[in-house]
C-alpha cells in the first residue's frame, strides 16, 4: 500500500508521541503533523494536506467532532478517525454523523489504530471491538430516515451557532468571524428557521447535542 500521511490531534503530548512512534514503526505510515487543539489541527490540515486525520474528541477550543466537520467541508475525501475515552453510543453516533469513518477507544488505541487506518482508507468503517456493532448499523440506517428531517447547516452557520452557544454577543461574533453584525443576525435567523429553534437555550442544547460546543 502507498504511503499514508497522517495528522494526529490530541492535547496529551506523551500520548501523541507514543502513537507517532507506534505508527511510524510500520512501513508506509508517516505522521506529517501533530496538533494539541482543534484550531491548530485545522491550520496544520490546510498547510500539510494529510491523507488521514486522527482526532481526539475532547480537545481544547474547537472539539474533535466540529474539527472533523470543518476538515471534511474543505476536503470531502479526507479519512477521519476519532479517538475517545468514551464508548457512549451518543459520542460514536455524532462522530459518524460528522463524517468520521472510524472510532477508536484510547484504552485500545495502540492495538486498534493501525487496523482502523487500513479499514477507513479502503472506504470502510472501523469501531473498537468494545463498541457494539449495532451502533454503526443504527447510524447507517438513520441516515436514510433523517436526511430530510435534520437539515444540515453551512460551515459558516455552524461557526455562528458555536459562538452563540458559547455565550458570545452578536458584536463579538461579527468581529471574530470578520463579518458584519447584520450578516451575523441573518445567519442567526436562518439557523433558527432551519432548526425550528428560536431561543438561546434551545440553540445551545442543539449545539451541545451535536458536538458544536461542550457543556462546560
N, C-alpha and C. Protein backbone atom coordinates (compact mmCIF):
# COMPACT_ATOMS: atom_id res chain seq x y z
N UNK A 1 0.85 -1.19 0.00
CA UNK A 1 0.00 0.00 0.00
C UNK A 1 0.88 1.24 0.00
N UNK A 2 0.45 2.30 -0.71
CA UNK A 2 1.25 3.52 -0.79
C UNK A 2 1.29 4.24 0.55
N UNK A 3 2.20 5.19 0.66
CA UNK A 3 2.40 5.92 1.91
C UNK A 3 1.16 6.71 2.30
N UNK A 4 0.83 6.71 3.57
CA UNK A 4 -0.28 7.50 4.08
C UNK A 4 0.26 8.55 5.04
N UNK A 5 -0.10 9.80 4.77
CA UNK A 5 0.35 10.92 5.60
C UNK A 5 -0.75 11.21 6.62
N UNK A 6 -0.37 11.22 7.89
CA UNK A 6 -1.35 11.28 8.98
C UNK A 6 -1.17 12.54 9.83
N UNK A 7 -2.28 13.15 10.19
CA UNK A 7 -2.29 14.25 11.16
C UNK A 7 -2.83 13.70 12.47
N UNK A 8 -2.09 13.88 13.56
CA UNK A 8 -2.53 13.47 14.90
C UNK A 8 -2.90 14.70 15.71
N UNK A 9 -4.08 14.68 16.33
CA UNK A 9 -4.51 15.82 17.13
C UNK A 9 -5.03 15.35 18.48
N UNK A 10 -4.31 15.71 19.54
CA UNK A 10 -4.67 15.34 20.90
C UNK A 10 -3.87 16.24 21.83
N UNK A 11 -4.47 16.67 22.93
CA UNK A 11 -3.77 17.62 23.81
C UNK A 11 -2.86 16.92 24.82
N UNK A 12 -2.78 15.60 24.77
CA UNK A 12 -1.87 14.87 25.65
C UNK A 12 -0.61 14.51 24.86
N UNK A 13 0.45 15.29 25.04
CA UNK A 13 1.65 15.18 24.22
C UNK A 13 2.33 13.81 24.29
N UNK A 14 2.41 13.27 25.50
CA UNK A 14 3.07 11.96 25.65
C UNK A 14 2.30 10.89 24.90
N UNK A 15 0.97 10.96 24.96
CA UNK A 15 0.14 10.01 24.24
C UNK A 15 0.36 10.14 22.74
N UNK A 16 0.41 11.38 22.24
CA UNK A 16 0.63 11.62 20.81
C UNK A 16 1.99 11.08 20.37
N UNK A 17 3.01 11.35 21.16
CA UNK A 17 4.35 10.88 20.82
C UNK A 17 4.40 9.35 20.76
N UNK A 18 3.70 8.71 21.69
CA UNK A 18 3.67 7.24 21.70
C UNK A 18 2.95 6.71 20.46
N UNK A 19 1.85 7.38 20.10
CA UNK A 19 1.12 6.97 18.90
C UNK A 19 1.98 7.14 17.66
N UNK A 20 2.69 8.27 17.62
CA UNK A 20 3.55 8.53 16.46
C UNK A 20 4.61 7.44 16.30
N UNK A 21 5.26 7.09 17.40
CA UNK A 21 6.29 6.06 17.35
C UNK A 21 5.70 4.72 16.89
N UNK A 22 4.50 4.42 17.38
CA UNK A 22 3.82 3.18 17.01
C UNK A 22 3.51 3.16 15.51
N UNK A 23 2.94 4.26 15.02
CA UNK A 23 2.55 4.32 13.61
C UNK A 23 3.75 4.30 12.67
N UNK A 24 4.76 5.09 13.02
CA UNK A 24 5.90 5.21 12.12
C UNK A 24 6.83 4.00 12.16
N UNK A 25 6.55 3.08 13.08
CA UNK A 25 7.32 1.82 13.08
C UNK A 25 6.80 0.87 12.01
N UNK A 26 5.66 1.25 11.41
CA UNK A 26 5.04 0.42 10.37
C UNK A 26 5.30 1.06 9.01
N UNK A 27 5.92 0.36 8.09
CA UNK A 27 6.22 0.92 6.77
C UNK A 27 4.99 1.54 6.10
N UNK A 28 5.18 2.72 5.50
CA UNK A 28 4.10 3.37 4.78
C UNK A 28 3.27 4.33 5.60
N UNK A 29 3.51 4.42 6.91
CA UNK A 29 2.77 5.32 7.78
C UNK A 29 3.68 6.47 8.21
N UNK A 30 3.31 7.69 7.84
CA UNK A 30 4.10 8.87 8.17
C UNK A 30 3.22 9.90 8.88
N UNK A 31 3.61 10.31 10.07
CA UNK A 31 2.89 11.36 10.78
C UNK A 31 3.46 12.69 10.31
N UNK A 32 2.68 13.41 9.51
CA UNK A 32 3.16 14.65 8.90
C UNK A 32 2.85 15.88 9.74
N UNK A 33 2.00 15.74 10.78
CA UNK A 33 1.66 16.89 11.62
C UNK A 33 1.10 16.42 12.95
N UNK A 34 1.37 17.21 14.00
CA UNK A 34 0.82 16.96 15.33
C UNK A 34 0.19 18.25 15.84
N UNK A 35 -1.00 18.15 16.42
CA UNK A 35 -1.70 19.32 16.95
C UNK A 35 -2.19 19.02 18.35
N UNK A 36 -2.30 20.07 19.17
CA UNK A 36 -2.77 19.89 20.55
C UNK A 36 -4.18 20.43 20.78
N UNK A 37 -4.77 21.05 19.74
CA UNK A 37 -6.15 21.51 19.86
C UNK A 37 -6.78 21.58 18.47
N UNK A 38 -8.09 21.80 18.45
CA UNK A 38 -8.80 21.79 17.18
C UNK A 38 -8.37 22.87 16.21
N UNK A 39 -8.15 24.08 16.71
CA UNK A 39 -7.76 25.19 15.83
C UNK A 39 -6.40 24.93 15.19
N UNK A 40 -5.46 24.41 15.97
CA UNK A 40 -4.15 24.09 15.42
C UNK A 40 -4.26 22.95 14.41
N UNK A 41 -5.13 22.00 14.69
CA UNK A 41 -5.33 20.88 13.77
C UNK A 41 -5.85 21.38 12.43
N UNK A 42 -6.79 22.31 12.45
CA UNK A 42 -7.32 22.87 11.21
C UNK A 42 -6.25 23.61 10.42
N UNK A 43 -5.43 24.38 11.13
CA UNK A 43 -4.37 25.14 10.46
C UNK A 43 -3.36 24.19 9.81
N UNK A 44 -2.93 23.18 10.56
CA UNK A 44 -1.96 22.23 10.04
C UNK A 44 -2.56 21.39 8.91
N UNK A 45 -3.85 21.10 9.02
CA UNK A 45 -4.52 20.36 7.95
C UNK A 45 -4.43 21.12 6.63
N UNK A 46 -4.69 22.42 6.67
CA UNK A 46 -4.63 23.22 5.45
C UNK A 46 -3.21 23.36 4.93
N UNK A 47 -2.23 23.38 5.84
CA UNK A 47 -0.83 23.53 5.43
C UNK A 47 -0.25 22.22 4.88
N UNK A 48 -0.52 21.11 5.56
CA UNK A 48 0.16 19.85 5.24
C UNK A 48 -0.63 18.93 4.30
N UNK A 49 -1.93 19.13 4.20
CA UNK A 49 -2.78 18.31 3.33
C UNK A 49 -2.59 16.80 3.58
N UNK A 50 -2.86 16.34 4.79
CA UNK A 50 -2.68 14.91 5.09
C UNK A 50 -3.73 14.06 4.38
N UNK A 51 -3.47 12.77 4.31
CA UNK A 51 -4.44 11.83 3.74
C UNK A 51 -5.47 11.40 4.78
N UNK A 52 -5.07 11.47 6.03
CA UNK A 52 -5.91 10.95 7.11
C UNK A 52 -5.68 11.75 8.38
N UNK A 53 -6.74 11.98 9.15
CA UNK A 53 -6.63 12.70 10.42
C UNK A 53 -7.15 11.83 11.55
N UNK A 54 -6.40 11.82 12.65
CA UNK A 54 -6.81 11.10 13.86
C UNK A 54 -7.05 12.18 14.91
N UNK A 55 -8.31 12.34 15.34
CA UNK A 55 -8.70 13.47 16.18
C UNK A 55 -9.27 13.03 17.52
N UNK A 56 -8.76 13.62 18.59
CA UNK A 56 -9.34 13.41 19.91
C UNK A 56 -10.66 14.18 19.97
N UNK A 57 -11.69 13.61 20.53
CA UNK A 57 -12.99 14.27 20.60
C UNK A 57 -12.96 15.49 21.52
N UNK A 58 -12.31 15.37 22.68
CA UNK A 58 -12.40 16.41 23.71
C UNK A 58 -11.17 17.30 23.75
N UNK A 59 -10.78 17.85 22.61
CA UNK A 59 -9.65 18.77 22.57
C UNK A 59 -10.08 20.16 23.04
N UNK A 60 -9.12 20.96 23.52
CA UNK A 60 -9.42 22.36 23.88
C UNK A 60 -9.84 23.13 22.64
N UNK A 61 -10.59 24.22 22.85
CA UNK A 61 -11.02 25.03 21.72
C UNK A 61 -12.05 24.28 20.91
N UNK A 62 -11.88 24.25 19.60
CA UNK A 62 -12.80 23.53 18.71
C UNK A 62 -12.66 22.04 18.97
N UNK A 63 -13.77 21.40 19.34
CA UNK A 63 -13.68 19.97 19.68
C UNK A 63 -13.47 19.11 18.44
N UNK A 64 -13.17 17.84 18.67
CA UNK A 64 -12.83 16.95 17.57
C UNK A 64 -13.94 16.75 16.56
N UNK A 65 -15.19 16.68 17.04
CA UNK A 65 -16.31 16.45 16.13
C UNK A 65 -16.48 17.63 15.18
N UNK A 66 -16.44 18.84 15.71
CA UNK A 66 -16.57 20.02 14.85
C UNK A 66 -15.35 20.19 13.96
N UNK A 67 -14.17 19.85 14.48
CA UNK A 67 -12.96 19.89 13.66
C UNK A 67 -13.10 18.96 12.46
N UNK A 68 -13.65 17.78 12.69
CA UNK A 68 -13.87 16.83 11.61
C UNK A 68 -14.81 17.41 10.56
N UNK A 69 -15.89 18.04 11.01
CA UNK A 69 -16.84 18.65 10.06
C UNK A 69 -16.15 19.70 9.19
N UNK A 70 -15.35 20.54 9.82
CA UNK A 70 -14.70 21.62 9.07
C UNK A 70 -13.67 21.08 8.10
N UNK A 71 -12.94 20.06 8.51
CA UNK A 71 -11.96 19.47 7.60
C UNK A 71 -12.64 18.86 6.38
N UNK A 72 -13.73 18.15 6.62
CA UNK A 72 -14.42 17.49 5.52
C UNK A 72 -15.11 18.49 4.60
N UNK A 73 -15.47 19.65 5.13
CA UNK A 73 -16.04 20.69 4.27
C UNK A 73 -14.99 21.18 3.27
N UNK A 74 -13.72 21.12 3.68
CA UNK A 74 -12.62 21.54 2.80
C UNK A 74 -12.12 20.41 1.92
N UNK A 75 -12.19 19.18 2.43
CA UNK A 75 -11.70 18.03 1.68
C UNK A 75 -12.57 16.81 1.99
N UNK A 76 -13.65 16.62 1.24
CA UNK A 76 -14.57 15.51 1.49
C UNK A 76 -13.92 14.13 1.39
N UNK A 77 -12.77 14.04 0.73
CA UNK A 77 -12.11 12.75 0.57
C UNK A 77 -11.25 12.37 1.77
N UNK A 78 -11.08 13.29 2.70
CA UNK A 78 -10.23 13.03 3.86
C UNK A 78 -10.80 11.89 4.70
N UNK A 79 -9.95 10.97 5.12
CA UNK A 79 -10.36 9.90 6.02
C UNK A 79 -10.12 10.36 7.46
N UNK A 80 -11.12 10.20 8.32
CA UNK A 80 -11.02 10.68 9.70
C UNK A 80 -11.35 9.56 10.68
N UNK A 81 -10.51 9.45 11.70
CA UNK A 81 -10.73 8.51 12.80
C UNK A 81 -10.78 9.31 14.09
N UNK A 82 -11.80 9.07 14.90
CA UNK A 82 -11.92 9.76 16.17
C UNK A 82 -11.29 8.91 17.29
N UNK A 83 -10.64 9.59 18.22
CA UNK A 83 -10.10 8.96 19.43
C UNK A 83 -10.92 9.43 20.62
N UNK A 84 -11.24 8.52 21.52
CA UNK A 84 -12.03 8.93 22.68
C UNK A 84 -11.89 7.96 23.84
N UNK A 85 -12.12 8.47 25.03
CA UNK A 85 -12.18 7.62 26.22
C UNK A 85 -13.60 7.09 26.40
N UNK A 86 -14.55 7.64 25.62
CA UNK A 86 -15.97 7.33 25.81
C UNK A 86 -16.48 6.31 24.80
N UNK A 87 -17.15 5.28 25.29
CA UNK A 87 -17.78 4.30 24.42
C UNK A 87 -19.28 4.55 24.30
N UNK A 88 -19.74 5.66 24.88
CA UNK A 88 -21.16 6.03 24.84
C UNK A 88 -21.65 6.11 23.39
N UNK A 89 -22.81 5.52 23.14
CA UNK A 89 -23.37 5.50 21.79
C UNK A 89 -23.52 6.89 21.19
N UNK A 90 -23.83 7.89 22.03
CA UNK A 90 -24.06 9.24 21.51
C UNK A 90 -22.80 9.82 20.90
N UNK A 91 -21.66 9.61 21.55
CA UNK A 91 -20.40 10.12 21.01
C UNK A 91 -20.06 9.43 19.69
N UNK A 92 -20.28 8.13 19.66
CA UNK A 92 -19.98 7.37 18.44
C UNK A 92 -20.87 7.85 17.30
N UNK A 93 -22.18 7.95 17.56
CA UNK A 93 -23.12 8.35 16.52
C UNK A 93 -22.83 9.75 15.99
N UNK A 94 -22.53 10.70 16.90
CA UNK A 94 -22.24 12.06 16.45
C UNK A 94 -20.95 12.13 15.66
N UNK A 95 -19.98 11.32 16.02
CA UNK A 95 -18.73 11.27 15.26
C UNK A 95 -18.98 10.76 13.85
N UNK A 96 -19.77 9.72 13.74
CA UNK A 96 -20.09 9.17 12.42
C UNK A 96 -20.92 10.16 11.61
N UNK A 97 -21.85 10.82 12.28
CA UNK A 97 -22.68 11.81 11.58
C UNK A 97 -21.84 12.98 11.08
N UNK A 98 -20.79 13.30 11.81
CA UNK A 98 -19.90 14.39 11.38
C UNK A 98 -19.05 14.01 10.18
N UNK A 99 -18.98 12.70 9.88
CA UNK A 99 -18.22 12.25 8.72
C UNK A 99 -17.05 11.35 9.03
N UNK A 100 -16.79 11.11 10.33
CA UNK A 100 -15.69 10.20 10.68
C UNK A 100 -16.05 8.79 10.23
N UNK A 101 -15.03 8.02 9.86
CA UNK A 101 -15.26 6.65 9.42
C UNK A 101 -14.68 5.63 10.41
N UNK A 102 -14.05 6.16 11.46
CA UNK A 102 -13.51 5.27 12.48
C UNK A 102 -13.67 5.88 13.86
N UNK A 103 -13.80 5.02 14.86
CA UNK A 103 -13.93 5.46 16.25
C UNK A 103 -13.13 4.48 17.10
N UNK A 104 -12.02 4.97 17.66
CA UNK A 104 -11.11 4.12 18.42
C UNK A 104 -11.03 4.58 19.87
N UNK A 105 -11.22 3.65 20.78
CA UNK A 105 -11.11 3.97 22.20
C UNK A 105 -9.64 4.11 22.58
N UNK A 106 -9.35 5.11 23.40
CA UNK A 106 -7.95 5.36 23.77
C UNK A 106 -7.32 4.18 24.50
N UNK A 107 -8.12 3.46 25.24
CA UNK A 107 -7.57 2.34 26.02
C UNK A 107 -7.02 1.24 25.12
N UNK A 108 -7.49 1.21 23.86
CA UNK A 108 -7.01 0.18 22.93
C UNK A 108 -6.43 0.79 21.66
N UNK A 109 -6.04 2.08 21.75
CA UNK A 109 -5.58 2.80 20.55
C UNK A 109 -4.37 2.14 19.90
N UNK A 110 -3.43 1.69 20.70
CA UNK A 110 -2.21 1.12 20.13
C UNK A 110 -2.50 -0.18 19.37
N UNK A 111 -3.52 -0.92 19.80
CA UNK A 111 -3.87 -2.17 19.13
C UNK A 111 -4.80 -1.93 17.94
N UNK A 112 -5.70 -0.95 18.07
CA UNK A 112 -6.77 -0.78 17.08
C UNK A 112 -6.47 0.23 15.97
N UNK A 113 -5.60 1.18 16.22
CA UNK A 113 -5.46 2.30 15.29
C UNK A 113 -4.97 1.88 13.90
N UNK A 114 -4.01 1.00 13.83
CA UNK A 114 -3.50 0.57 12.53
C UNK A 114 -4.59 -0.15 11.75
N UNK A 115 -5.37 -1.00 12.44
CA UNK A 115 -6.48 -1.69 11.77
C UNK A 115 -7.52 -0.68 11.29
N UNK A 116 -7.76 0.35 12.11
CA UNK A 116 -8.72 1.37 11.73
C UNK A 116 -8.26 2.13 10.49
N UNK A 117 -6.97 2.47 10.45
CA UNK A 117 -6.42 3.19 9.30
C UNK A 117 -6.57 2.36 8.03
N UNK A 118 -6.22 1.09 8.10
CA UNK A 118 -6.34 0.22 6.93
C UNK A 118 -7.79 0.15 6.44
N UNK A 119 -8.73 0.10 7.39
CA UNK A 119 -10.13 -0.03 7.04
C UNK A 119 -10.69 1.24 6.39
N UNK A 120 -10.47 2.39 7.03
CA UNK A 120 -11.07 3.62 6.50
C UNK A 120 -10.42 4.05 5.19
N UNK A 121 -9.15 3.72 4.99
CA UNK A 121 -8.50 4.07 3.72
C UNK A 121 -9.07 3.28 2.56
N UNK A 122 -9.69 2.15 2.86
CA UNK A 122 -10.31 1.33 1.82
C UNK A 122 -11.80 1.66 1.67
N UNK A 123 -12.23 2.72 2.35
CA UNK A 123 -13.62 3.15 2.23
C UNK A 123 -14.56 2.53 3.24
N UNK A 124 -14.02 1.76 4.19
CA UNK A 124 -14.87 1.12 5.18
C UNK A 124 -14.97 1.91 6.47
N UNK A 125 -15.59 1.30 7.47
CA UNK A 125 -15.72 1.88 8.80
C UNK A 125 -14.98 0.98 9.78
N UNK A 126 -14.58 1.57 10.91
CA UNK A 126 -13.95 0.77 11.96
C UNK A 126 -14.35 1.32 13.32
N UNK A 127 -14.84 0.44 14.18
CA UNK A 127 -15.14 0.78 15.57
C UNK A 127 -14.35 -0.16 16.46
N UNK A 128 -13.80 0.35 17.56
CA UNK A 128 -13.11 -0.52 18.51
C UNK A 128 -14.05 -1.66 18.91
N UNK A 129 -13.51 -2.86 19.08
CA UNK A 129 -14.34 -4.03 19.38
C UNK A 129 -15.28 -3.86 20.58
N UNK A 130 -14.90 -3.04 21.56
CA UNK A 130 -15.74 -2.88 22.74
C UNK A 130 -17.03 -2.10 22.44
N UNK A 131 -17.05 -1.44 21.27
CA UNK A 131 -18.25 -0.69 20.88
C UNK A 131 -19.15 -1.62 20.08
N UNK A 132 -20.41 -1.69 20.47
CA UNK A 132 -21.33 -2.60 19.79
C UNK A 132 -21.49 -2.26 18.31
N UNK A 133 -21.47 -3.27 17.46
CA UNK A 133 -21.67 -3.04 16.02
C UNK A 133 -23.04 -2.48 15.73
N UNK A 134 -23.97 -2.66 16.63
CA UNK A 134 -25.33 -2.15 16.41
C UNK A 134 -25.33 -0.63 16.31
N UNK A 135 -24.34 0.03 16.93
CA UNK A 135 -24.26 1.49 16.86
C UNK A 135 -24.06 1.93 15.41
N UNK A 136 -23.14 1.28 14.73
CA UNK A 136 -22.87 1.60 13.33
C UNK A 136 -24.07 1.25 12.46
N UNK A 137 -24.68 0.11 12.70
CA UNK A 137 -25.84 -0.31 11.91
C UNK A 137 -26.99 0.68 12.07
N UNK A 138 -27.24 1.13 13.31
CA UNK A 138 -28.31 2.09 13.55
C UNK A 138 -28.00 3.42 12.88
N UNK A 139 -26.73 3.81 12.92
CA UNK A 139 -26.34 5.08 12.30
C UNK A 139 -26.57 5.04 10.80
N UNK A 140 -26.11 3.99 10.14
CA UNK A 140 -26.26 3.88 8.69
C UNK A 140 -27.74 3.85 8.30
N UNK A 141 -28.55 3.19 9.10
CA UNK A 141 -29.98 3.14 8.83
C UNK A 141 -30.62 4.50 9.04
N UNK A 142 -30.16 5.21 10.08
CA UNK A 142 -30.75 6.52 10.38
C UNK A 142 -30.46 7.55 9.30
N UNK A 143 -29.35 7.38 8.57
CA UNK A 143 -29.02 8.34 7.52
C UNK A 143 -30.13 8.44 6.49
N UNK A 144 -30.72 7.31 6.16
CA UNK A 144 -31.77 7.31 5.15
C UNK A 144 -33.05 7.95 5.67
N UNK A 145 -33.35 7.74 6.96
CA UNK A 145 -34.60 8.24 7.52
C UNK A 145 -34.52 9.69 7.97
N UNK A 146 -33.32 10.16 8.30
CA UNK A 146 -33.20 11.50 8.87
C UNK A 146 -32.68 12.54 7.91
N UNK A 147 -32.38 12.16 6.68
CA UNK A 147 -31.77 13.08 5.73
C UNK A 147 -32.63 14.32 5.53
N UNK A 148 -33.97 14.14 5.47
CA UNK A 148 -34.85 15.28 5.24
C UNK A 148 -35.34 15.92 6.53
N UNK A 149 -35.20 15.22 7.65
CA UNK A 149 -35.73 15.72 8.91
C UNK A 149 -34.77 16.63 9.66
N UNK A 150 -33.48 16.54 9.34
CA UNK A 150 -32.48 17.32 10.06
C UNK A 150 -31.61 18.08 9.06
N UNK A 151 -32.10 19.23 8.59
CA UNK A 151 -31.36 19.99 7.58
C UNK A 151 -29.97 20.36 8.06
N UNK A 152 -28.98 20.17 7.20
CA UNK A 152 -27.61 20.49 7.56
C UNK A 152 -27.37 21.99 7.50
N UNK A 153 -26.57 22.49 8.42
CA UNK A 153 -26.17 23.88 8.42
C UNK A 153 -24.91 24.04 7.59
N UNK A 154 -24.71 25.24 7.06
CA UNK A 154 -23.46 25.50 6.34
C UNK A 154 -22.33 25.64 7.35
N UNK A 155 -21.10 25.61 6.86
CA UNK A 155 -19.95 25.76 7.75
C UNK A 155 -20.02 27.09 8.50
N UNK A 156 -20.36 28.18 7.81
CA UNK A 156 -20.45 29.49 8.46
C UNK A 156 -21.56 29.52 9.50
N UNK A 157 -22.70 28.87 9.21
CA UNK A 157 -23.78 28.82 10.19
C UNK A 157 -23.37 28.03 11.43
N UNK A 158 -22.60 26.99 11.23
CA UNK A 158 -22.10 26.22 12.37
C UNK A 158 -21.16 27.09 13.22
N UNK A 159 -20.33 27.89 12.54
CA UNK A 159 -19.44 28.79 13.28
C UNK A 159 -20.24 29.75 14.15
N UNK A 160 -21.27 30.34 13.56
CA UNK A 160 -22.12 31.29 14.29
C UNK A 160 -22.82 30.60 15.45
N UNK A 161 -23.38 29.42 15.19
CA UNK A 161 -24.10 28.69 16.24
C UNK A 161 -23.18 28.32 17.39
N UNK A 162 -21.96 27.89 17.07
CA UNK A 162 -20.99 27.54 18.11
C UNK A 162 -20.72 28.72 19.03
N UNK A 163 -20.53 29.90 18.44
CA UNK A 163 -20.25 31.10 19.23
C UNK A 163 -21.47 31.55 20.03
N UNK A 164 -22.66 31.40 19.45
CA UNK A 164 -23.88 31.72 20.19
C UNK A 164 -23.98 30.83 21.42
N UNK A 165 -23.74 29.53 21.21
CA UNK A 165 -23.82 28.57 22.32
C UNK A 165 -22.76 28.82 23.37
N UNK A 166 -21.64 29.43 22.97
CA UNK A 166 -20.57 29.75 23.92
C UNK A 166 -20.85 31.06 24.66
N UNK A 167 -22.01 31.68 24.38
CA UNK A 167 -22.41 32.88 25.10
C UNK A 167 -21.87 34.18 24.52
N UNK A 168 -21.39 34.15 23.29
CA UNK A 168 -20.80 35.34 22.67
C UNK A 168 -21.88 36.29 22.17
N UNK A 169 -21.60 37.58 22.24
CA UNK A 169 -22.54 38.59 21.74
C UNK A 169 -22.47 38.67 20.23
N UNK A 170 -23.50 39.28 19.64
CA UNK A 170 -23.53 39.44 18.19
C UNK A 170 -22.33 40.24 17.70
N UNK A 171 -21.97 41.29 18.41
CA UNK A 171 -20.83 42.12 18.00
C UNK A 171 -19.53 41.32 18.06
N UNK A 172 -19.37 40.51 19.10
CA UNK A 172 -18.16 39.70 19.23
C UNK A 172 -18.08 38.68 18.10
N UNK A 173 -19.21 38.05 17.79
CA UNK A 173 -19.24 37.05 16.72
C UNK A 173 -18.84 37.69 15.39
N UNK A 174 -19.38 38.89 15.14
CA UNK A 174 -19.04 39.59 13.90
C UNK A 174 -17.54 39.88 13.82
N UNK A 175 -16.97 40.34 14.94
CA UNK A 175 -15.54 40.64 14.98
C UNK A 175 -14.71 39.37 14.82
N UNK A 176 -15.12 38.32 15.51
CA UNK A 176 -14.39 37.05 15.49
C UNK A 176 -14.36 36.44 14.08
N UNK A 177 -15.48 36.53 13.37
CA UNK A 177 -15.59 35.89 12.06
C UNK A 177 -15.29 36.83 10.91
N UNK A 178 -15.09 38.11 11.23
CA UNK A 178 -14.77 39.08 10.18
C UNK A 178 -15.93 39.39 9.27
N UNK A 179 -17.14 39.40 9.83
CA UNK A 179 -18.33 39.72 9.06
C UNK A 179 -19.11 40.81 9.79
N UNK A 180 -20.14 41.36 9.14
CA UNK A 180 -20.90 42.45 9.75
C UNK A 180 -21.91 41.93 10.76
N UNK A 181 -22.38 42.83 11.63
CA UNK A 181 -23.40 42.46 12.61
C UNK A 181 -24.67 42.01 11.89
N UNK A 182 -25.02 42.70 10.81
CA UNK A 182 -26.23 42.32 10.05
C UNK A 182 -26.12 40.92 9.47
N UNK A 183 -24.89 40.55 9.04
CA UNK A 183 -24.70 39.21 8.50
C UNK A 183 -24.86 38.16 9.59
N UNK A 184 -24.33 38.46 10.78
CA UNK A 184 -24.50 37.54 11.91
C UNK A 184 -25.97 37.36 12.22
N UNK A 185 -26.71 38.46 12.24
CA UNK A 185 -28.15 38.39 12.53
C UNK A 185 -28.88 37.58 11.47
N UNK A 186 -28.45 37.72 10.21
CA UNK A 186 -29.08 36.97 9.13
C UNK A 186 -28.80 35.48 9.30
N UNK A 187 -27.56 35.14 9.66
CA UNK A 187 -27.23 33.73 9.91
C UNK A 187 -28.06 33.19 11.06
N UNK A 188 -28.20 33.98 12.11
CA UNK A 188 -28.99 33.55 13.29
C UNK A 188 -30.44 33.26 12.87
N UNK A 189 -30.99 34.11 12.02
CA UNK A 189 -32.36 33.91 11.54
C UNK A 189 -32.47 32.63 10.73
N UNK A 190 -31.50 32.40 9.84
CA UNK A 190 -31.52 31.19 9.02
C UNK A 190 -31.37 29.94 9.86
N UNK A 191 -30.47 29.99 10.86
CA UNK A 191 -30.26 28.85 11.75
C UNK A 191 -31.55 28.50 12.49
N UNK A 192 -32.17 29.50 13.06
CA UNK A 192 -33.41 29.30 13.82
C UNK A 192 -34.51 28.73 12.93
N UNK A 193 -34.59 29.25 11.70
CA UNK A 193 -35.61 28.79 10.77
C UNK A 193 -35.38 27.34 10.36
N UNK A 194 -34.13 27.00 10.06
CA UNK A 194 -33.82 25.63 9.62
C UNK A 194 -34.03 24.61 10.71
N UNK A 195 -33.65 24.99 11.92
CA UNK A 195 -33.71 24.03 13.03
C UNK A 195 -35.02 24.08 13.79
N UNK A 196 -35.80 25.16 13.59
CA UNK A 196 -37.04 25.31 14.34
C UNK A 196 -36.78 25.61 15.80
N UNK A 197 -35.63 26.22 16.09
CA UNK A 197 -35.23 26.58 17.45
C UNK A 197 -35.01 28.08 17.51
N UNK A 198 -35.58 28.73 18.50
CA UNK A 198 -35.55 30.19 18.48
C UNK A 198 -34.91 30.84 19.71
N UNK A 199 -34.84 30.15 20.82
CA UNK A 199 -34.21 30.75 21.99
C UNK A 199 -32.74 30.33 22.08
N UNK A 200 -31.96 31.13 22.82
CA UNK A 200 -30.55 30.80 23.01
C UNK A 200 -30.41 29.46 23.70
N UNK A 201 -31.30 29.20 24.66
CA UNK A 201 -31.24 27.93 25.39
C UNK A 201 -31.44 26.74 24.45
N UNK A 202 -32.41 26.86 23.55
CA UNK A 202 -32.67 25.77 22.61
C UNK A 202 -31.49 25.57 21.66
N UNK A 203 -30.95 26.68 21.17
CA UNK A 203 -29.81 26.61 20.25
C UNK A 203 -28.58 26.01 20.95
N UNK A 204 -28.40 26.38 22.22
CA UNK A 204 -27.27 25.86 22.98
C UNK A 204 -27.40 24.36 23.19
N UNK A 205 -28.59 23.90 23.52
CA UNK A 205 -28.82 22.47 23.70
C UNK A 205 -28.53 21.72 22.41
N UNK A 206 -28.97 22.29 21.29
CA UNK A 206 -28.71 21.65 20.00
C UNK A 206 -27.21 21.58 19.72
N UNK A 207 -26.52 22.68 20.02
CA UNK A 207 -25.06 22.73 19.76
C UNK A 207 -24.32 21.70 20.59
N UNK A 208 -24.69 21.55 21.85
CA UNK A 208 -24.05 20.57 22.73
C UNK A 208 -24.36 19.16 22.24
N UNK A 209 -25.61 18.92 21.90
CA UNK A 209 -26.02 17.58 21.45
C UNK A 209 -25.32 17.16 20.16
N UNK A 210 -24.99 18.14 19.34
CA UNK A 210 -24.37 17.84 18.04
C UNK A 210 -22.86 18.09 18.03
N UNK A 211 -22.27 18.25 19.22
CA UNK A 211 -20.82 18.35 19.31
C UNK A 211 -20.23 19.65 18.83
N UNK A 212 -21.05 20.73 18.75
CA UNK A 212 -20.54 22.02 18.32
C UNK A 212 -19.90 22.80 19.45
N UNK A 213 -20.24 22.42 20.66
CA UNK A 213 -19.65 23.05 21.84
C UNK A 213 -19.75 22.06 22.98
N UNK A 214 -19.10 22.35 24.08
CA UNK A 214 -19.17 21.45 25.23
C UNK A 214 -20.16 21.97 26.23
N UNK A 215 -20.48 21.15 27.22
CA UNK A 215 -21.42 21.55 28.26
C UNK A 215 -20.73 22.34 29.36
N UNK A 216 -19.40 22.44 29.30
CA UNK A 216 -18.65 23.12 30.37
C UNK A 216 -18.81 24.62 30.29
